[in-house]
PDB file of all heavy atoms in Angstrom:
ATOM      1  N   LEU A   1       0.831  -1.188   0.000  1.00  0.00           N
ATOM      2  CA  LEU A   1       0.000   0.000   0.000  1.00  0.00           C
ATOM      3  C   LEU A   1       0.874   1.249   0.000  1.00  0.00           C
ATOM      4  O   LEU A   1       1.908   1.306   0.669  1.00  0.00           O
ATOM      5  CB  LEU A   1      -0.904   0.013   1.233  1.00  0.00           C
ATOM      6  CG  LEU A   1      -1.999  -1.058   1.257  1.00  0.00           C
ATOM      7  CD1 LEU A   1      -2.759  -0.992   2.568  1.00  0.00           C
ATOM      8  CD2 LEU A   1      -2.937  -0.896   0.085  1.00  0.00           C
ATOM      9  N   VAL A   2       0.450   2.252  -0.760  1.00  0.00           N
ATOM     10  CA  VAL A   2       1.225   3.482  -0.926  1.00  0.00           C
ATOM     11  C   VAL A   2       0.497   4.632  -0.223  1.00  0.00           C
ATOM     12  O   VAL A   2      -0.665   4.918  -0.552  1.00  0.00           O
ATOM     13  CB  VAL A   2       1.392   3.829  -2.423  1.00  0.00           C
ATOM     14  CG1 VAL A   2       2.174   5.131  -2.594  1.00  0.00           C
ATOM     15  CG2 VAL A   2       2.074   2.685  -3.166  1.00  0.00           C
ATOM     16  N   PRO A   3       1.124   5.309   0.745  1.00  0.00           N
ATOM     17  CA  PRO A   3       0.492   6.469   1.372  1.00  0.00           C
ATOM     18  C   PRO A   3       0.226   7.564   0.336  1.00  0.00           C
ATOM     19  O   PRO A   3       1.053   7.800  -0.554  1.00  0.00           O
ATOM     20  CB  PRO A   3       1.540   6.915   2.404  1.00  0.00           C
ATOM     21  CG  PRO A   3       2.380   5.709   2.655  1.00  0.00           C
ATOM     22  CD  PRO A   3       2.431   4.984   1.352  1.00  0.00           C
ATOM     23  N   CYS A   4      -0.921   8.215   0.454  1.00  0.00           N
ATOM     24  CA  CYS A   4      -1.270   9.241  -0.529  1.00  0.00           C
ATOM     25  C   CYS A   4      -2.227  10.244   0.097  1.00  0.00           C
ATOM     26  O   CYS A   4      -2.709  10.070   1.211  1.00  0.00           O
ATOM     27  CB  CYS A   4      -1.911   8.603  -1.761  1.00  0.00           C
ATOM     28  SG  CYS A   4      -3.527   7.848  -1.449  1.00  0.00           S
ATOM     29  N   VAL A   5      -2.517  11.297  -0.656  1.00  0.00           N
ATOM     30  CA  VAL A   5      -3.523  12.297  -0.284  1.00  0.00           C
ATOM     31  C   VAL A   5      -4.542  12.363  -1.415  1.00  0.00           C
ATOM     32  O   VAL A   5      -4.183  12.538  -2.580  1.00  0.00           O
ATOM     33  CB  VAL A   5      -2.890  13.680  -0.059  1.00  0.00           C
ATOM     34  CG1 VAL A   5      -3.980  14.715   0.212  1.00  0.00           C
ATOM     35  CG2 VAL A   5      -1.897  13.630   1.099  1.00  0.00           C
ATOM     36  N   LEU A   6      -5.828  12.198  -1.068  1.00  0.00           N
ATOM     37  CA  LEU A   6      -6.899  12.325  -2.042  1.00  0.00           C
ATOM     38  C   LEU A   6      -7.428  13.751  -2.023  1.00  0.00           C
ATOM     39  O   LEU A   6      -7.603  14.347  -0.960  1.00  0.00           O
ATOM     40  CB  LEU A   6      -8.054  11.375  -1.719  1.00  0.00           C
ATOM     41  CG  LEU A   6      -7.777   9.871  -1.704  1.00  0.00           C
ATOM     42  CD1 LEU A   6      -9.079   9.115  -1.508  1.00  0.00           C
ATOM     43  CD2 LEU A   6      -7.078   9.428  -2.972  1.00  0.00           C
ATOM     44  N   THR A   7      -7.677  14.308  -3.202  1.00  0.00           N
ATOM     45  CA  THR A   7      -8.329  15.605  -3.338  1.00  0.00           C
ATOM     46  C   THR A   7      -9.622  15.392  -4.108  1.00  0.00           C
ATOM     47  O   THR A   7      -9.600  14.941  -5.256  1.00  0.00           O
ATOM     48  CB  THR A   7      -7.438  16.606  -4.078  1.00  0.00           C
ATOM     49  OG1 THR A   7      -6.193  16.746  -3.386  1.00  0.00           O
ATOM     50  CG2 THR A   7      -8.116  17.975  -4.158  1.00  0.00           C
ATOM     51  N   LEU A   8     -10.754  15.683  -3.463  1.00  0.00           N
ATOM     52  CA  LEU A   8     -12.064  15.421  -4.061  1.00  0.00           C
ATOM     53  C   LEU A   8     -12.485  16.560  -4.964  1.00  0.00           C
ATOM     54  O   LEU A   8     -12.477  17.728  -4.569  1.00  0.00           O
ATOM     55  CB  LEU A   8     -13.102  15.222  -2.947  1.00  0.00           C
ATOM     56  CG  LEU A   8     -14.526  14.902  -3.390  1.00  0.00           C
ATOM     57  CD1 LEU A   8     -14.582  13.562  -4.113  1.00  0.00           C
ATOM     58  CD2 LEU A   8     -15.461  14.893  -2.181  1.00  0.00           C
ATOM     59  N   ASN A   9     -12.880  16.227  -6.190  1.00  0.00           N
ATOM     60  CA  ASN A   9     -13.380  17.204  -7.141  1.00  0.00           C
ATOM     61  C   ASN A   9     -14.913  17.238  -7.099  1.00  0.00           C
ATOM     62  O   ASN A   9     -15.558  16.304  -6.612  1.00  0.00           O
ATOM     63  CB  ASN A   9     -12.901  16.868  -8.555  1.00  0.00           C
ATOM     64  CG  ASN A   9     -11.381  16.839  -8.639  1.00  0.00           C
ATOM     65  OD1 ASN A   9     -10.708  17.754  -8.189  1.00  0.00           O
ATOM     66  ND2 ASN A   9     -10.845  15.762  -9.193  1.00  0.00           N
ATOM     67  N   GLN A  10     -15.492  18.298  -7.614  1.00  0.00           N
ATOM     68  CA  GLN A  10     -16.946  18.465  -7.565  1.00  0.00           C
ATOM     69  C   GLN A  10     -17.689  17.379  -8.322  1.00  0.00           C
ATOM     70  O   GLN A  10     -18.831  17.047  -7.992  1.00  0.00           O
ATOM     71  CB  GLN A  10     -17.337  19.838  -8.110  1.00  0.00           C
ATOM     72  CG  GLN A  10     -16.930  20.997  -7.216  1.00  0.00           C
ATOM     73  CD  GLN A  10     -17.428  22.328  -7.741  1.00  0.00           C
ATOM     74  OE1 GLN A  10     -17.872  22.431  -8.879  1.00  0.00           O
ATOM     75  NE2 GLN A  10     -17.360  23.351  -6.900  1.00  0.00           N
ATOM     76  N   ASP A  11     -17.061  16.812  -9.348  1.00  0.00           N
ATOM     77  CA  ASP A  11     -17.728  15.793 -10.161  1.00  0.00           C
ATOM     78  C   ASP A  11     -17.558  14.381  -9.607  1.00  0.00           C
ATOM     79  O   ASP A  11     -17.950  13.404 -10.251  1.00  0.00           O
ATOM     80  CB  ASP A  11     -17.227  15.845 -11.602  1.00  0.00           C
ATOM     81  CG  ASP A  11     -15.719  15.634 -11.705  1.00  0.00           C
ATOM     82  OD1 ASP A  11     -15.064  15.463 -10.654  1.00  0.00           O
ATOM     83  OD2 ASP A  11     -15.195  15.644 -12.843  1.00  0.00           O
ATOM     84  N   GLY A  12     -16.970  14.255  -8.409  1.00  0.00           N
ATOM     85  CA  GLY A  12     -16.801  12.947  -7.791  1.00  0.00           C
ATOM     86  C   GLY A  12     -15.511  12.247  -8.148  1.00  0.00           C
ATOM     87  O   GLY A  12     -15.213  11.182  -7.613  1.00  0.00           O
ATOM     88  N   THR A  13     -14.733  12.830  -9.057  1.00  0.00           N
ATOM     89  CA  THR A  13     -13.416  12.282  -9.364  1.00  0.00           C
ATOM     90  C   THR A  13     -12.440  12.705  -8.278  1.00  0.00           C
ATOM     91  O   THR A  13     -12.745  13.590  -7.467  1.00  0.00           O
ATOM     92  CB  THR A  13     -12.915  12.780 -10.728  1.00  0.00           C
ATOM     93  OG1 THR A  13     -12.707  14.219 -10.666  1.00  0.00           O
ATOM     94  CG2 THR A  13     -13.939  12.485 -11.814  1.00  0.00           C
ATOM     95  N   VAL A  14     -11.271  12.082  -8.228  1.00  0.00           N
ATOM     96  CA  VAL A  14     -10.263  12.474  -7.242  1.00  0.00           C
ATOM     97  C   VAL A  14      -8.896  12.589  -7.893  1.00  0.00           C
ATOM     98  O   VAL A  14      -8.578  11.875  -8.853  1.00  0.00           O
ATOM     99  CB  VAL A  14     -10.176  11.479  -6.063  1.00  0.00           C
ATOM    100  CG1 VAL A  14     -11.464  11.427  -5.280  1.00  0.00           C
ATOM    101  CG2 VAL A  14      -9.769  10.090  -6.538  1.00  0.00           C
ATOM    102  N   TRP A  15      -8.124  13.526  -7.385  1.00  0.00           N
ATOM    103  CA  TRP A  15      -6.691  13.554  -7.644  1.00  0.00           C
ATOM    104  C   TRP A  15      -6.009  12.752  -6.546  1.00  0.00           C
ATOM    105  O   TRP A  15      -6.365  12.875  -5.371  1.00  0.00           O
ATOM    106  CB  TRP A  15      -6.147  14.980  -7.637  1.00  0.00           C
ATOM    107  CG  TRP A  15      -6.460  15.767  -8.873  1.00  0.00           C
ATOM    108  CD1 TRP A  15      -7.416  16.716  -9.022  1.00  0.00           C
ATOM    109  CD2 TRP A  15      -5.790  15.659 -10.139  1.00  0.00           C
ATOM    110  NE1 TRP A  15      -7.409  17.210 -10.299  1.00  0.00           N
ATOM    111  CE2 TRP A  15      -6.410  16.584 -11.000  1.00  0.00           C
ATOM    112  CE3 TRP A  15      -4.746  14.875 -10.612  1.00  0.00           C
ATOM    113  CZ2 TRP A  15      -6.014  16.746 -12.332  1.00  0.00           C
ATOM    114  CZ3 TRP A  15      -4.344  15.038 -11.921  1.00  0.00           C
ATOM    115  CH2 TRP A  15      -4.971  15.962 -12.770  1.00  0.00           C
ATOM    116  N   VAL A  16      -5.055  11.935  -6.915  1.00  0.00           N
ATOM    117  CA  VAL A  16      -4.307  11.126  -5.963  1.00  0.00           C
ATOM    118  C   VAL A  16      -2.847  11.570  -6.020  1.00  0.00           C
ATOM    119  O   VAL A  16      -2.206  11.469  -7.077  1.00  0.00           O
ATOM    120  CB  VAL A  16      -4.404   9.625  -6.289  1.00  0.00           C
ATOM    121  CG1 VAL A  16      -3.658   8.798  -5.241  1.00  0.00           C
ATOM    122  CG2 VAL A  16      -5.860   9.191  -6.397  1.00  0.00           C
ATOM    123  N   THR A  17      -2.344  12.066  -4.906  1.00  0.00           N
ATOM    124  CA  THR A  17      -0.944  12.479  -4.817  1.00  0.00           C
ATOM    125  C   THR A  17      -0.218  11.508  -3.904  1.00  0.00           C
ATOM    126  O   THR A  17      -0.481  11.461  -2.697  1.00  0.00           O
ATOM    127  CB  THR A  17      -0.813  13.908  -4.265  1.00  0.00           C
ATOM    128  OG1 THR A  17      -1.597  14.798  -5.058  1.00  0.00           O
ATOM    129  CG2 THR A  17       0.645  14.357  -4.283  1.00  0.00           C
ATOM    130  N   ALA A  18       0.669  10.712  -4.472  1.00  0.00           N
ATOM    131  CA  ALA A  18       1.417   9.731  -3.692  1.00  0.00           C
ATOM    132  C   ALA A  18       2.521  10.423  -2.905  1.00  0.00           C
ATOM    133  O   ALA A  18       3.120  11.402  -3.377  1.00  0.00           O
ATOM    134  CB  ALA A  18       2.014   8.669  -4.614  1.00  0.00           C
ATOM    135  N   VAL A  19       2.779   9.921  -1.698  1.00  0.00           N
ATOM    136  CA  VAL A  19       3.837  10.493  -0.870  1.00  0.00           C
ATOM    137  C   VAL A  19       5.187  10.351  -1.555  1.00  0.00           C
ATOM    138  O   VAL A  19       6.045  11.235  -1.472  1.00  0.00           O
ATOM    139  CB  VAL A  19       3.850   9.818   0.517  1.00  0.00           C
ATOM    140  CG1 VAL A  19       5.077  10.241   1.321  1.00  0.00           C
ATOM    141  CG2 VAL A  19       2.578  10.168   1.277  1.00  0.00           C
ATOM    142  N   LYS A  20       5.378   9.242  -2.270  1.00  0.00           N
ATOM    143  CA  LYS A  20       6.583   9.076  -3.070  1.00  0.00           C
ATOM    144  C   LYS A  20       6.174   8.526  -4.432  1.00  0.00           C
ATOM    145  O   LYS A  20       5.149   7.859  -4.579  1.00  0.00           O
ATOM    146  CB  LYS A  20       7.577   8.130  -2.392  1.00  0.00           C
ATOM    147  CG  LYS A  20       7.066   6.718  -2.207  1.00  0.00           C
ATOM    148  CD  LYS A  20       8.137   5.834  -1.586  1.00  0.00           C
ATOM    149  CE  LYS A  20       7.642   4.391  -1.431  1.00  0.00           C
ATOM    150  NZ  LYS A  20       8.685   3.510  -0.841  1.00  0.00           N
ATOM    151  N   ALA A  21       6.966   8.823  -5.448  1.00  0.00           N
ATOM    152  CA  ALA A  21       6.643   8.394  -6.806  1.00  0.00           C
ATOM    153  C   ALA A  21       6.595   6.867  -6.890  1.00  0.00           C
ATOM    154  O   ALA A  21       7.389   6.177  -6.240  1.00  0.00           O
ATOM    155  CB  ALA A  21       7.676   8.944  -7.789  1.00  0.00           C
ATOM    156  N   VAL A  22       5.662   6.358  -7.663  1.00  0.00           N
ATOM    157  CA  VAL A  22       5.487   4.919  -7.817  1.00  0.00           C
ATOM    158  C   VAL A  22       5.732   4.523  -9.262  1.00  0.00           C
ATOM    159  O   VAL A  22       5.608   5.332 -10.182  1.00  0.00           O
ATOM    160  CB  VAL A  22       4.085   4.466  -7.367  1.00  0.00           C
ATOM    161  CG1 VAL A  22       3.936   4.617  -5.868  1.00  0.00           C
ATOM    162  CG2 VAL A  22       2.999   5.259  -8.084  1.00  0.00           C
ATOM    163  N   ARG A  23       6.039   3.236  -9.461  1.00  0.00           N
ATOM    164  CA  ARG A  23       6.486   2.763 -10.768  1.00  0.00           C
ATOM    165  C   ARG A  23       5.331   2.277 -11.638  1.00  0.00           C
ATOM    166  O   ARG A  23       4.443   1.583 -11.190  1.00  0.00           O
ATOM    167  CB  ARG A  23       7.497   1.616 -10.588  1.00  0.00           C
ATOM    168  CG  ARG A  23       8.107   1.106 -11.876  1.00  0.00           C
ATOM    169  CD  ARG A  23       9.084  -0.038 -11.610  1.00  0.00           C
ATOM    170  NE  ARG A  23       9.748  -0.459 -12.831  1.00  0.00           N
ATOM    171  CZ  ARG A  23       9.247  -1.349 -13.689  1.00  0.00           C
ATOM    172  NH1 ARG A  23       8.058  -1.900 -13.448  1.00  0.00           N
ATOM    173  NH2 ARG A  23       9.906  -1.684 -14.776  1.00  0.00           N
ATOM    174  N   ALA A  24       5.371   2.679 -12.885  1.00  0.00           N
ATOM    175  CA  ALA A  24       4.516   2.126 -13.948  1.00  0.00           C
ATOM    176  C   ALA A  24       3.023   2.313 -13.718  1.00  0.00           C
ATOM    177  O   ALA A  24       2.238   1.413 -13.956  1.00  0.00           O
ATOM    178  CB  ALA A  24       4.846   0.653 -14.171  1.00  0.00           C
ATOM    179  N   LEU A  25       2.627   3.490 -13.256  1.00  0.00           N
ATOM    180  CA  LEU A  25       1.210   3.830 -13.269  1.00  0.00           C
ATOM    181  C   LEU A  25       0.726   3.812 -14.714  1.00  0.00           C
ATOM    182  O   LEU A  25       1.419   4.294 -15.607  1.00  0.00           O
ATOM    183  CB  LEU A  25       0.992   5.222 -12.679  1.00  0.00           C
ATOM    184  CG  LEU A  25       0.945   5.358 -11.160  1.00  0.00           C
ATOM    185  CD1 LEU A  25       0.945   6.825 -10.772  1.00  0.00           C
ATOM    186  CD2 LEU A  25      -0.265   4.655 -10.580  1.00  0.00           C
ATOM    187  N   THR A  26      -0.471   3.288 -14.941  1.00  0.00           N
ATOM    188  CA  THR A  26      -0.952   3.113 -16.308  1.00  0.00           C
ATOM    189  C   THR A  26      -2.402   3.543 -16.429  1.00  0.00           C
ATOM    190  O   THR A  26      -3.231   3.204 -15.582  1.00  0.00           O
ATOM    191  CB  THR A  26      -0.830   1.636 -16.735  1.00  0.00           C
ATOM    192  OG1 THR A  26       0.536   1.215 -16.583  1.00  0.00           O
ATOM    193  CG2 THR A  26      -1.240   1.448 -18.190  1.00  0.00           C
ATOM    194  N   LEU A  27      -2.710   4.279 -17.477  1.00  0.00           N
ATOM    195  CA  LEU A  27      -4.090   4.652 -17.756  1.00  0.00           C
ATOM    196  C   LEU A  27      -4.935   3.391 -17.905  1.00  0.00           C
ATOM    197  O   LEU A  27      -4.540   2.438 -18.555  1.00  0.00           O
ATOM    198  CB  LEU A  27      -4.168   5.485 -19.032  1.00  0.00           C
ATOM    199  CG  LEU A  27      -3.462   6.844 -19.017  1.00  0.00           C
ATOM    200  CD1 LEU A  27      -3.516   7.479 -20.394  1.00  0.00           C
ATOM    201  CD2 LEU A  27      -4.083   7.762 -17.980  1.00  0.00           C
ATOM    202  N   GLY A  28      -6.110   3.400 -17.292  1.00  0.00           N
ATOM    203  CA  GLY A  28      -6.999   2.250 -17.380  1.00  0.00           C
ATOM    204  C   GLY A  28      -6.909   1.312 -16.200  1.00  0.00           C
ATOM    205  O   GLY A  28      -7.812   0.496 -15.981  1.00  0.00           O
ATOM    206  N   GLN A  29      -5.832   1.401 -15.419  1.00  0.00           N
ATOM    207  CA  GLN A  29      -5.770   0.623 -14.194  1.00  0.00           C
ATOM    208  C   GLN A  29      -6.740   1.202 -13.173  1.00  0.00           C
ATOM    209  O   GLN A  29      -7.220   2.326 -13.305  1.00  0.00           O
ATOM    210  CB  GLN A  29      -4.346   0.646 -13.610  1.00  0.00           C
ATOM    211  CG  GLN A  29      -3.331  -0.148 -14.412  1.00  0.00           C
ATOM    212  CD  GLN A  29      -1.934  -0.017 -13.830  1.00  0.00           C
ATOM    213  OE1 GLN A  29      -1.527   1.053 -13.400  1.00  0.00           O
ATOM    214  NE2 GLN A  29      -1.176  -1.110 -13.844  1.00  0.00           N
ATOM    215  N   PHE A  30      -7.029   0.423 -12.126  1.00  0.00           N
ATOM    216  CA  PHE A  30      -7.907   0.897 -11.071  1.00  0.00           C
ATOM    217  C   PHE A  30      -7.091   1.190  -9.821  1.00  0.00           C
ATOM    218  O   PHE A  30      -6.356   0.331  -9.338  1.00  0.00           O
ATOM    219  CB  PHE A  30      -8.990  -0.140 -10.764  1.00  0.00           C
ATOM    220  CG  PHE A  30     -10.064  -0.193 -11.807  1.00  0.00           C
ATOM    221  CD1 PHE A  30      -9.901  -0.962 -12.948  1.00  0.00           C
ATOM    222  CD2 PHE A  30     -11.225   0.547 -11.656  1.00  0.00           C
ATOM    223  CE1 PHE A  30     -10.879  -1.001 -13.929  1.00  0.00           C
ATOM    224  CE2 PHE A  30     -12.204   0.515 -12.634  1.00  0.00           C
ATOM    225  CZ  PHE A  30     -12.037  -0.261 -13.772  1.00  0.00           C
TER     226      PHE A  30
END
């Protein structure tokens, strides 16, 4: 598990800011 901060947008989407950079994030993953 990766520590992060969620930022909630008005449309229900979220920005996810990881405490440290993670490898191989990919569009379409969950």
